[in-house]
PDB file of N, CA and C in Angstrom:
ATOM      1  N   UNK A   1     -28.136 -23.273 -27.535  1.00  0.00           N
ATOM      2  CA  UNK A   1     -27.151 -22.618 -26.705  1.00  0.00           C
ATOM      3  C   UNK A   1     -27.889 -21.832 -25.623  1.00  0.00           C
ATOM      4  N   UNK A   2     -27.512 -22.080 -24.415  1.00  0.00           N
ATOM      5  CA  UNK A   2     -28.150 -21.385 -23.310  1.00  0.00           C
ATOM      6  C   UNK A   2     -27.501 -20.017 -23.105  1.00  0.00           C
ATOM      7  N   UNK A   3     -28.109 -19.237 -22.246  1.00  0.00           N
ATOM      8  CA  UNK A   3     -27.585 -17.906 -21.964  1.00  0.00           C
ATOM      9  C   UNK A   3     -26.251 -17.991 -21.222  1.00  0.00           C
ATOM     10  N   UNK A   4     -26.063 -19.049 -20.444  1.00  0.00           N
ATOM     11  CA  UNK A   4     -24.800 -19.206 -19.729  1.00  0.00           C
ATOM     12  C   UNK A   4     -23.652 -19.500 -20.696  1.00  0.00           C
ATOM     13  N   UNK A   5     -23.918 -20.348 -21.700  1.00  0.00           N
ATOM     14  CA  UNK A   5     -22.900 -20.602 -22.720  1.00  0.00           C
ATOM     15  C   UNK A   5     -22.550 -19.322 -23.461  1.00  0.00           C
ATOM     16  N   UNK A   6     -23.554 -18.563 -23.788  1.00  0.00           N
ATOM     17  CA  UNK A   6     -23.323 -17.305 -24.495  1.00  0.00           C
ATOM     18  C   UNK A   6     -22.500 -16.336 -23.656  1.00  0.00           C
ATOM     19  N   UNK A   7     -22.727 -16.321 -22.356  1.00  0.00           N
ATOM     20  CA  UNK A   7     -21.991 -15.410 -21.476  1.00  0.00           C
ATOM     21  C   UNK A   7     -20.515 -15.761 -21.420  1.00  0.00           C
ATOM     22  N   UNK A   8     -20.173 -17.031 -21.199  1.00  0.00           N
ATOM     23  CA  UNK A   8     -18.752 -17.305 -21.090  1.00  0.00           C
ATOM     24  C   UNK A   8     -18.057 -17.387 -22.443  1.00  0.00           C
ATOM     25  N   UNK A   9     -18.778 -17.678 -23.530  1.00  0.00           N
ATOM     26  CA  UNK A   9     -18.166 -17.559 -24.851  1.00  0.00           C
ATOM     27  C   UNK A   9     -17.855 -16.109 -25.176  1.00  0.00           C
ATOM     28  N   UNK A  10     -18.795 -15.240 -24.877  1.00  0.00           N
ATOM     29  CA  UNK A  10     -18.561 -13.820 -25.165  1.00  0.00           C
ATOM     30  C   UNK A  10     -17.488 -13.237 -24.251  1.00  0.00           C
ATOM     31  N   UNK A  11     -17.403 -13.697 -22.997  1.00  0.00           N
ATOM     32  CA  UNK A  11     -16.339 -13.222 -22.106  1.00  0.00           C
ATOM     33  C   UNK A  11     -14.974 -13.652 -22.615  1.00  0.00           C
ATOM     34  N   UNK A  12     -14.863 -14.872 -23.111  1.00  0.00           N
ATOM     35  CA  UNK A  12     -13.581 -15.336 -23.639  1.00  0.00           C
ATOM     36  C   UNK A  12     -13.204 -14.584 -24.901  1.00  0.00           C
ATOM     37  N   UNK A  13     -14.169 -14.357 -25.779  1.00  0.00           N
ATOM     38  CA  UNK A  13     -13.881 -13.656 -27.036  1.00  0.00           C
ATOM     39  C   UNK A  13     -13.535 -12.201 -26.770  1.00  0.00           C
ATOM     40  N   UNK A  14     -14.256 -11.549 -25.850  1.00  0.00           N
ATOM     41  CA  UNK A  14     -13.937 -10.153 -25.535  1.00  0.00           C
ATOM     42  C   UNK A  14     -12.566 -10.009 -24.892  1.00  0.00           C
ATOM     43  N   UNK A  15     -12.192 -10.934 -24.046  1.00  0.00           N
ATOM     44  CA  UNK A  15     -10.865 -10.845 -23.436  1.00  0.00           C
ATOM     45  C   UNK A  15      -9.764 -11.147 -24.447  1.00  0.00           C
ATOM     46  N   UNK A  16     -10.001 -12.055 -25.384  1.00  0.00           N
ATOM     47  CA  UNK A  16      -8.979 -12.304 -26.412  1.00  0.00           C
ATOM     48  C   UNK A  16      -8.884 -11.131 -27.384  1.00  0.00           C
ATOM     49  N   UNK A  17     -10.000 -10.469 -27.676  1.00  0.00           N
ATOM     50  CA  UNK A  17      -9.938  -9.257 -28.495  1.00  0.00           C
ATOM     51  C   UNK A  17      -9.239  -8.127 -27.763  1.00  0.00           C
ATOM     52  N   UNK A  18      -9.455  -8.029 -26.468  1.00  0.00           N
ATOM     53  CA  UNK A  18      -8.748  -7.035 -25.676  1.00  0.00           C
ATOM     54  C   UNK A  18      -7.260  -7.288 -25.654  1.00  0.00           C
ATOM     55  N   UNK A  19      -6.870  -8.555 -25.614  1.00  0.00           N
ATOM     56  CA  UNK A  19      -5.448  -8.897 -25.658  1.00  0.00           C
ATOM     57  C   UNK A  19      -4.858  -8.573 -27.022  1.00  0.00           C
ATOM     58  N   UNK A  20      -5.641  -8.752 -28.072  1.00  0.00           N
ATOM     59  CA  UNK A  20      -5.128  -8.493 -29.416  1.00  0.00           C
ATOM     60  C   UNK A  20      -5.013  -7.007 -29.721  1.00  0.00           C
ATOM     61  N   UNK A  21      -5.944  -6.193 -29.218  1.00  0.00           N
ATOM     62  CA  UNK A  21      -5.973  -4.790 -29.619  1.00  0.00           C
ATOM     63  C   UNK A  21      -5.393  -3.822 -28.605  1.00  0.00           C
ATOM     64  N   UNK A  22      -5.385  -4.153 -27.325  1.00  0.00           N
ATOM     65  CA  UNK A  22      -4.900  -3.237 -26.294  1.00  0.00           C
ATOM     66  C   UNK A  22      -3.611  -3.772 -25.684  1.00  0.00           C
ATOM     67  N   UNK A  23      -2.552  -3.750 -26.461  1.00  0.00           N
ATOM     68  CA  UNK A  23      -1.280  -4.259 -25.985  1.00  0.00           C
ATOM     69  C   UNK A  23      -0.317  -3.128 -25.663  1.00  0.00           C
ATOM     70  N   UNK A  24      -0.796  -2.055 -25.100  1.00  0.00           N
ATOM     71  CA  UNK A  24       0.076  -0.945 -24.772  1.00  0.00           C
ATOM     72  C   UNK A  24       0.825  -1.201 -23.477  1.00  0.00           C
ATOM     73  N   UNK A  25       0.111  -1.538 -22.433  1.00  0.00           N
ATOM     74  CA  UNK A  25       0.706  -1.762 -21.119  1.00  0.00           C
ATOM     75  C   UNK A  25       0.723  -3.251 -20.798  1.00  0.00           C
ATOM     76  N   UNK A  26       1.687  -3.638 -19.996  1.00  0.00           N
ATOM     77  CA  UNK A  26       1.789  -5.036 -19.568  1.00  0.00           C
ATOM     78  C   UNK A  26       0.636  -5.416 -18.652  1.00  0.00           C
ATOM     79  N   UNK A  27       0.181  -4.488 -17.831  1.00  0.00           N
ATOM     80  CA  UNK A  27      -0.908  -4.797 -16.895  1.00  0.00           C
ATOM     81  C   UNK A  27      -2.219  -5.064 -17.636  1.00  0.00           C
ATOM     82  N   UNK A  28      -2.463  -4.372 -18.750  1.00  0.00           N
ATOM     83  CA  UNK A  28      -3.688  -4.650 -19.507  1.00  0.00           C
ATOM     84  C   UNK A  28      -3.620  -6.007 -20.183  1.00  0.00           C
ATOM     85  N   UNK A  29      -2.445  -6.401 -20.655  1.00  0.00           N
ATOM     86  CA  UNK A  29      -2.294  -7.734 -21.237  1.00  0.00           C
ATOM     87  C   UNK A  29      -2.489  -8.814 -20.176  1.00  0.00           C
ATOM     88  N   UNK A  30      -1.955  -8.575 -18.984  1.00  0.00           N
ATOM     89  CA  UNK A  30      -2.129  -9.545 -17.904  1.00  0.00           C
ATOM     90  C   UNK A  30      -3.583  -9.656 -17.463  1.00  0.00           C
ATOM     91  N   UNK A  31      -4.292  -8.538 -17.439  1.00  0.00           N
ATOM     92  CA  UNK A  31      -5.711  -8.579 -17.074  1.00  0.00           C
ATOM     93  C   UNK A  31      -6.540  -9.323 -18.119  1.00  0.00           C
ATOM     94  N   UNK A  32      -6.200  -9.159 -19.378  1.00  0.00           N
ATOM     95  CA  UNK A  32      -6.909  -9.900 -20.424  1.00  0.00           C
ATOM     96  C   UNK A  32      -6.637 -11.396 -20.319  1.00  0.00           C
ATOM     97  N   UNK A  33      -5.386 -11.758 -20.027  1.00  0.00           N
ATOM     98  CA  UNK A  33      -5.073 -13.175 -19.837  1.00  0.00           C
ATOM     99  C   UNK A  33      -5.803 -13.754 -18.626  1.00  0.00           C
ATOM    100  N   UNK A  34      -5.899 -12.962 -17.572  1.00  0.00           N
ATOM    101  CA  UNK A  34      -6.598 -13.433 -16.373  1.00  0.00           C
ATOM    102  C   UNK A  34      -8.090 -13.607 -16.630  1.00  0.00           C
ATOM    103  N   UNK A  35      -8.690 -12.707 -17.394  1.00  0.00           N
ATOM    104  CA  UNK A  35     -10.117 -12.868 -17.702  1.00  0.00           C
ATOM    105  C   UNK A  35     -10.350 -14.063 -18.620  1.00  0.00           C
ATOM    106  N   UNK A  36      -9.398 -14.370 -19.496  1.00  0.00           N
ATOM    107  CA  UNK A  36      -9.520 -15.573 -20.309  1.00  0.00           C
ATOM    108  C   UNK A  36      -9.472 -16.826 -19.442  1.00  0.00           C
ATOM    109  N   UNK A  37      -8.585 -16.828 -18.469  1.00  0.00           N
ATOM    110  CA  UNK A  37      -8.494 -17.982 -17.570  1.00  0.00           C
ATOM    111  C   UNK A  37      -9.751 -18.118 -16.704  1.00  0.00           C
ATOM    112  N   UNK A  38     -10.308 -17.002 -16.272  1.00  0.00           N
ATOM    113  CA  UNK A  38     -11.519 -17.081 -15.456  1.00  0.00           C
ATOM    114  C   UNK A  38     -12.724 -17.541 -16.267  1.00  0.00           C
ATOM    115  N   UNK A  39     -12.803 -17.145 -17.537  1.00  0.00           N
ATOM    116  CA  UNK A  39     -13.903 -17.649 -18.360  1.00  0.00           C
ATOM    117  C   UNK A  39     -13.740 -19.146 -18.632  1.00  0.00           C
ATOM    118  N   UNK A  40     -12.511 -19.616 -18.777  1.00  0.00           N
ATOM    119  CA  UNK A  40     -12.289 -21.057 -18.904  1.00  0.00           C
ATOM    120  C   UNK A  40     -12.641 -21.782 -17.614  1.00  0.00           C
ATOM    121  N   UNK A  41     -12.371 -21.143 -16.476  1.00  0.00           N
ATOM    122  CA  UNK A  41     -12.741 -21.735 -15.193  1.00  0.00           C
ATOM    123  C   UNK A  41     -14.262 -21.872 -15.076  1.00  0.00           C
ATOM    124  N   UNK A  42     -14.982 -20.871 -15.491  1.00  0.00           N
ATOM    125  CA  UNK A  42     -16.454 -20.942 -15.458  1.00  0.00           C
ATOM    126  C   UNK A  42     -16.951 -22.048 -16.371  1.00  0.00           C
ATOM    127  N   UNK A  43     -16.357 -22.169 -17.550  1.00  0.00           N
ATOM    128  CA  UNK A  43     -16.761 -23.225 -18.483  1.00  0.00           C
ATOM    129  C   UNK A  43     -16.486 -24.608 -17.914  1.00  0.00           C
ATOM    130  N   UNK A  44     -15.324 -24.780 -17.286  1.00  0.00           N
ATOM    131  CA  UNK A  44     -15.000 -26.091 -16.715  1.00  0.00           C
ATOM    132  C   UNK A  44     -15.799 -26.387 -15.454  1.00  0.00           C
ATOM    133  N   UNK A  45     -16.290 -25.364 -14.789  1.00  0.00           N
ATOM    134  CA  UNK A  45     -17.136 -25.583 -13.631  1.00  0.00           C
ATOM    135  C   UNK A  45     -18.547 -25.988 -14.051  1.00  0.00           C
ATOM    136  N   UNK A  46     -19.039 -25.401 -15.118  1.00  0.00           N
ATOM    137  CA  UNK A  46     -20.396 -25.722 -15.583  1.00  0.00           C
ATOM    138  C   UNK A  46     -20.471 -27.042 -16.337  1.00  0.00           C
ATOM    139  N   UNK A  47     -19.364 -27.518 -16.876  1.00  0.00           N
ATOM    140  CA  UNK A  47     -19.388 -28.738 -17.669  1.00  0.00           C
ATOM    141  C   UNK A  47     -19.787 -29.973 -16.865  1.00  0.00           C
ATOM    142  N   UNK A  48     -19.234 -30.249 -15.656  1.00  0.00           N
ATOM    143  CA  UNK A  48     -19.688 -31.441 -14.913  1.00  0.00           C
ATOM    144  C   UNK A  48     -21.123 -31.306 -14.405  1.00  0.00           C
ATOM    145  N   UNK A  49     -21.569 -30.085 -14.175  1.00  0.00           N
ATOM    146  CA  UNK A  49     -22.940 -29.898 -13.706  1.00  0.00           C
ATOM    147  C   UNK A  49     -23.933 -30.266 -14.804  1.00  0.00           C
ATOM    148  N   UNK A  50     -23.610 -29.886 -16.050  1.00  0.00           N
ATOM    149  CA  UNK A  50     -24.527 -30.180 -17.149  1.00  0.00           C
ATOM    150  C   UNK A  50     -24.478 -31.632 -17.585  1.00  0.00           C
ATOM    151  N   UNK A  51     -23.335 -32.275 -17.450  1.00  0.00           N
ATOM    152  CA  UNK A  51     -23.228 -33.677 -17.865  1.00  0.00           C
ATOM    153  C   UNK A  51     -23.494 -34.660 -16.738  1.00  0.00           C
ATOM    154  N   UNK A  52     -23.722 -34.174 -15.526  1.00  0.00           N
ATOM    155  CA  UNK A  52     -24.009 -35.002 -14.349  1.00  0.00           C
ATOM    156  C   UNK A  52     -22.884 -35.975 -14.047  1.00  0.00           C
ATOM    157  N   UNK A  53     -21.632 -35.506 -14.224  1.00  0.00           N
ATOM    158  CA  UNK A  53     -20.461 -36.328 -13.931  1.00  0.00           C
ATOM    159  C   UNK A  53     -19.763 -35.785 -12.690  1.00  0.00           C
ATOM    160  N   UNK A  54     -19.820 -36.483 -11.585  1.00  0.00           N
ATOM    161  CA  UNK A  54     -19.137 -35.978 -10.387  1.00  0.00           C
ATOM    162  C   UNK A  54     -17.632 -36.210 -10.414  1.00  0.00           C
ATOM    163  N   UNK A  55     -17.141 -37.050 -11.321  1.00  0.00           N
ATOM    164  CA  UNK A  55     -15.709 -37.360 -11.331  1.00  0.00           C
ATOM    165  C   UNK A  55     -14.861 -36.249 -11.946  1.00  0.00           C
ATOM    166  N   UNK A  56     -15.445 -35.352 -12.708  1.00  0.00           N
ATOM    167  CA  UNK A  56     -14.683 -34.303 -13.380  1.00  0.00           C
ATOM    168  C   UNK A  56     -14.678 -32.995 -12.593  1.00  0.00           C
ATOM    169  N   UNK A  57     -14.987 -33.044 -11.314  1.00  0.00           N
ATOM    170  CA  UNK A  57     -15.057 -31.810 -10.549  1.00  0.00           C
ATOM    171  C   UNK A  57     -13.698 -31.332 -10.052  1.00  0.00           C
ATOM    172  N   UNK A  58     -12.643 -32.129 -10.155  1.00  0.00           N
ATOM    173  CA  UNK A  58     -11.325 -31.699  -9.700  1.00  0.00           C
ATOM    174  C   UNK A  58     -10.618 -30.851 -10.752  1.00  0.00           C
ATOM    175  N   UNK A  59     -10.999 -30.948 -12.004  1.00  0.00           N
ATOM    176  CA  UNK A  59     -10.354 -30.204 -13.079  1.00  0.00           C
ATOM    177  C   UNK A  59     -10.443 -28.688 -12.911  1.00  0.00           C
ATOM    178  N   UNK A  60     -11.582 -28.110 -12.516  1.00  0.00           N
ATOM    179  CA  UNK A  60     -11.590 -26.653 -12.295  1.00  0.00           C
ATOM    180  C   UNK A  60     -10.662 -26.187 -11.181  1.00  0.00           C
ATOM    181  N   UNK A  61     -10.406 -27.032 -10.206  1.00  0.00           N
ATOM    182  CA  UNK A  61      -9.477 -26.646  -9.145  1.00  0.00           C
ATOM    183  C   UNK A  61      -8.045 -26.545  -9.672  1.00  0.00           C
ATOM    184  N   UNK A  62      -7.683 -27.430 -10.595  1.00  0.00           N
ATOM    185  CA  UNK A  62      -6.367 -27.335 -11.220  1.00  0.00           C
ATOM    186  C   UNK A  62      -6.255 -26.060 -12.046  1.00  0.00           C
ATOM    187  N   UNK A  63      -7.304 -25.714 -12.764  1.00  0.00           N
ATOM    188  CA  UNK A  63      -7.294 -24.499 -13.580  1.00  0.00           C
ATOM    189  C   UNK A  63      -7.214 -23.261 -12.692  1.00  0.00           C
ATOM    190  N   UNK A  64      -7.921 -23.259 -11.595  1.00  0.00           N
ATOM    191  CA  UNK A  64      -7.875 -22.123 -10.674  1.00  0.00           C
ATOM    192  C   UNK A  64      -6.495 -21.986 -10.031  1.00  0.00           C
ATOM    193  N   UNK A  65      -5.865 -23.103  -9.702  1.00  0.00           N
ATOM    194  CA  UNK A  65      -4.518 -23.066  -9.152  1.00  0.00           C
ATOM    195  C   UNK A  65      -3.527 -22.546 -10.186  1.00  0.00           C
ATOM    196  N   UNK A  66      -3.646 -23.014 -11.414  1.00  0.00           N
ATOM    197  CA  UNK A  66      -2.777 -22.528 -12.488  1.00  0.00           C
ATOM    198  C   UNK A  66      -2.997 -21.044 -12.735  1.00  0.00           C
ATOM    199  N   UNK A  67      -4.234 -20.585 -12.664  1.00  0.00           N
ATOM    200  CA  UNK A  67      -4.535 -19.175 -12.867  1.00  0.00           C
ATOM    201  C   UNK A  67      -3.933 -18.309 -11.768  1.00  0.00           C
ATOM    202  N   UNK A  68      -3.961 -18.783 -10.546  1.00  0.00           N
ATOM    203  CA  UNK A  68      -3.361 -18.024  -9.446  1.00  0.00           C
ATOM    204  C   UNK A  68      -1.847 -17.962  -9.591  1.00  0.00           C
ATOM    205  N   UNK A  69      -1.239 -19.057 -10.018  1.00  0.00           N
ATOM    206  CA  UNK A  69       0.217 -19.048 -10.243  1.00  0.00           C
ATOM    207  C   UNK A  69       0.588 -18.144 -11.411  1.00  0.00           C
ATOM    208  N   UNK A  70      -0.244 -18.135 -12.438  1.00  0.00           N
ATOM    209  CA  UNK A  70       0.001 -17.268 -13.588  1.00  0.00           C
ATOM    210  C   UNK A  70      -0.118 -15.805 -13.202  1.00  0.00           C
ATOM    211  N   UNK A  71      -1.076 -15.476 -12.367  1.00  0.00           N
ATOM    212  CA  UNK A  71      -1.245 -14.093 -11.928  1.00  0.00           C
ATOM    213  C   UNK A  71      -0.077 -13.650 -11.054  1.00  0.00           C
ATOM    214  N   UNK A  72       0.381 -14.513 -10.179  1.00  0.00           N
ATOM    215  CA  UNK A  72       1.518 -14.165  -9.323  1.00  0.00           C
ATOM    216  C   UNK A  72       2.791 -13.988 -10.144  1.00  0.00           C
ATOM    217  N   UNK A  73       3.011 -14.848 -11.124  1.00  0.00           N
ATOM    218  CA  UNK A  73       4.184 -14.724 -11.983  1.00  0.00           C
ATOM    219  C   UNK A  73       4.109 -13.466 -12.837  1.00  0.00           C
ATOM    220  N   UNK A  74       2.931 -13.167 -13.356  1.00  0.00           N
ATOM    221  CA  UNK A  74       2.754 -11.964 -14.165  1.00  0.00           C
ATOM    222  C   UNK A  74       2.983 -10.691 -13.377  1.00  0.00           C
ATOM    223  N   UNK A  75       2.482 -10.656 -12.149  1.00  0.00           N
ATOM    224  CA  UNK A  75       2.692  -9.465 -11.332  1.00  0.00           C
ATOM    225  C   UNK A  75       4.148  -9.311 -10.911  1.00  0.00           C
ATOM    226  N   UNK A  76       4.843 -10.417 -10.657  1.00  0.00           N
ATOM    227  CA  UNK A  76       6.259 -10.307 -10.324  1.00  0.00           C
ATOM    228  C   UNK A  76       7.073  -9.847 -11.530  1.00  0.00           C
ATOM    229  N   UNK A  77       6.695 -10.297 -12.738  1.00  0.00           N
ATOM    230  CA  UNK A  77       7.355  -9.798 -13.937  1.00  0.00           C
ATOM    231  C   UNK A  77       7.056  -8.322 -14.176  1.00  0.00           C
ATOM    232  N   UNK A  78       5.850  -7.902 -13.841  1.00  0.00           N
ATOM    233  CA  UNK A  78       5.488  -6.492 -13.971  1.00  0.00           C
ATOM    234  C   UNK A  78       6.333  -5.626 -13.042  1.00  0.00           C
ATOM    235  N   UNK A  79       6.497  -6.045 -11.810  1.00  0.00           N
ATOM    236  CA  UNK A  79       7.302  -5.284 -10.851  1.00  0.00           C
ATOM    237  C   UNK A  79       8.763  -5.263 -11.274  1.00  0.00           C
ATOM    238  N   UNK A  80       9.274  -6.407 -11.706  1.00  0.00           N
ATOM    239  CA  UNK A  80      10.679  -6.466 -12.110  1.00  0.00           C
ATOM    240  C   UNK A  80      10.944  -5.632 -13.358  1.00  0.00           C
ATOM    241  N   UNK A  81      10.036  -5.680 -14.320  1.00  0.00           N
ATOM    242  CA  UNK A  81      10.248  -4.904 -15.538  1.00  0.00           C
ATOM    243  C   UNK A  81      10.060  -3.412 -15.302  1.00  0.00           C
ATOM    244  N   UNK A  82       9.176  -3.036 -14.409  1.00  0.00           N
ATOM    245  CA  UNK A  82       9.004  -1.628 -14.089  1.00  0.00           C
ATOM    246  C   UNK A  82      10.217  -1.084 -13.360  1.00  0.00           C
ATOM    247  N   UNK A  83      10.819  -1.902 -12.521  1.00  0.00           N
ATOM    248  CA  UNK A  83      12.029  -1.457 -11.822  1.00  0.00           C
ATOM    249  C   UNK A  83      13.217  -1.315 -12.769  1.00  0.00           C
ATOM    250  N   UNK A  84      13.344  -2.211 -13.732  1.00  0.00           N
ATOM    251  CA  UNK A  84      14.508  -2.148 -14.620  1.00  0.00           C
ATOM    252  C   UNK A  84      14.321  -1.170 -15.772  1.00  0.00           C
ATOM    253  N   UNK A  85      13.120  -1.113 -16.352  1.00  0.00           N
ATOM    254  CA  UNK A  85      12.885  -0.278 -17.527  1.00  0.00           C
ATOM    255  C   UNK A  85      12.251   1.070 -17.195  1.00  0.00           C
ATOM    256  N   UNK A  86      11.650   1.205 -16.037  1.00  0.00           N
ATOM    257  CA  UNK A  86      11.051   2.472 -15.638  1.00  0.00           C
ATOM    258  C   UNK A  86       9.589   2.624 -16.003  1.00  0.00           C
ATOM    259  N   UNK A  87       9.049   1.779 -16.846  1.00  0.00           N
ATOM    260  CA  UNK A  87       7.628   1.848 -17.212  1.00  0.00           C
ATOM    261  C   UNK A  87       7.162   0.444 -17.596  1.00  0.00           C
ATOM    262  N   UNK A  88       5.864   0.321 -17.866  1.00  0.00           N
ATOM    263  CA  UNK A  88       5.344  -0.995 -18.224  1.00  0.00           C
ATOM    264  C   UNK A  88       4.823  -1.045 -19.656  1.00  0.00           C
ATOM    265  N   UNK A  89       5.335  -0.185 -20.517  1.00  0.00           N
ATOM    266  CA  UNK A  89       4.956  -0.238 -21.929  1.00  0.00           C
ATOM    267  C   UNK A  89       5.562  -1.471 -22.579  1.00  0.00           C
ATOM    268  N   UNK A  90       4.768  -2.164 -23.362  1.00  0.00           N
ATOM    269  CA  UNK A  90       5.249  -3.397 -23.967  1.00  0.00           C
ATOM    270  C   UNK A  90       6.229  -3.145 -25.102  1.00  0.00           C
ATOM    271  N   UNK A  91       6.142  -1.995 -25.751  1.00  0.00           N
ATOM    272  CA  UNK A  91       7.056  -1.738 -26.862  1.00  0.00           C
ATOM    273  C   UNK A  91       8.467  -1.382 -26.381  1.00  0.00           C
ATOM    274  N   UNK A  92       8.651  -1.065 -25.095  1.00  0.00           N
ATOM    275  CA  UNK A  92       9.977  -0.788 -24.554  1.00  0.00           C
ATOM    276  C   UNK A  92      10.761  -2.042 -24.221  1.00  0.00           C
ATOM    277  N   UNK A  93      10.080  -3.179 -24.138  1.00  0.00           N
ATOM    278  CA  UNK A  93      10.750  -4.408 -23.762  1.00  0.00           C
ATOM    279  C   UNK A  93      11.400  -5.027 -24.999  1.00  0.00           C
ATOM    280  N   UNK A  94      12.659  -5.313 -24.890  1.00  0.00           N
ATOM    281  CA  UNK A  94      13.379  -5.979 -25.955  1.00  0.00           C
ATOM    282  C   UNK A  94      13.830  -7.334 -25.402  1.00  0.00           C
ATOM    283  N   UNK A  95      13.426  -8.385 -26.072  1.00  0.00           N
ATOM    284  CA  UNK A  95      13.750  -9.721 -25.582  1.00  0.00           C
ATOM    285  C   UNK A  95      15.217 -10.075 -25.795  1.00  0.00           C
ATOM    286  N   UNK A  96      15.910  -9.337 -26.663  1.00  0.00           N
ATOM    287  CA  UNK A  96      17.298  -9.650 -26.896  1.00  0.00           C
ATOM    288  C   UNK A  96      18.202  -9.071 -25.797  1.00  0.00           C
ATOM    289  N   UNK A  97      17.730  -8.047 -25.101  1.00  0.00           N
ATOM    290  CA  UNK A  97      18.487  -7.463 -23.996  1.00  0.00           C
ATOM    291  C   UNK A  97      17.854  -7.913 -22.678  1.00  0.00           C
ATOM    292  N   UNK A  98      18.448  -8.865 -22.044  1.00  0.00           N
ATOM    293  CA  UNK A  98      17.883  -9.369 -20.780  1.00  0.00           C
ATOM    294  C   UNK A  98      18.676  -8.866 -19.609  1.00  0.00           C
TER     295      UNK A  98
END
């Protein structure tokens, strides 16, 4: 295992642990999800370089596009929930009351 593999494995694990343990605010959950997506982007970018396959280089662009759409959707949900509920605490959100 190279140092680069160790870096993005540890980044993914730390962001998933942050998502599991720091679920107080919606913005912290969104930041953890975004860091998970960015570590996956780094992994998918390094994979064609190590395998010498030029045909798999379009896959990281799809992941980056999906990550940008996920971030935009998350921020719009954050703004909408803050306007309706008054704060961004996750325990105040009730899925049964929409």
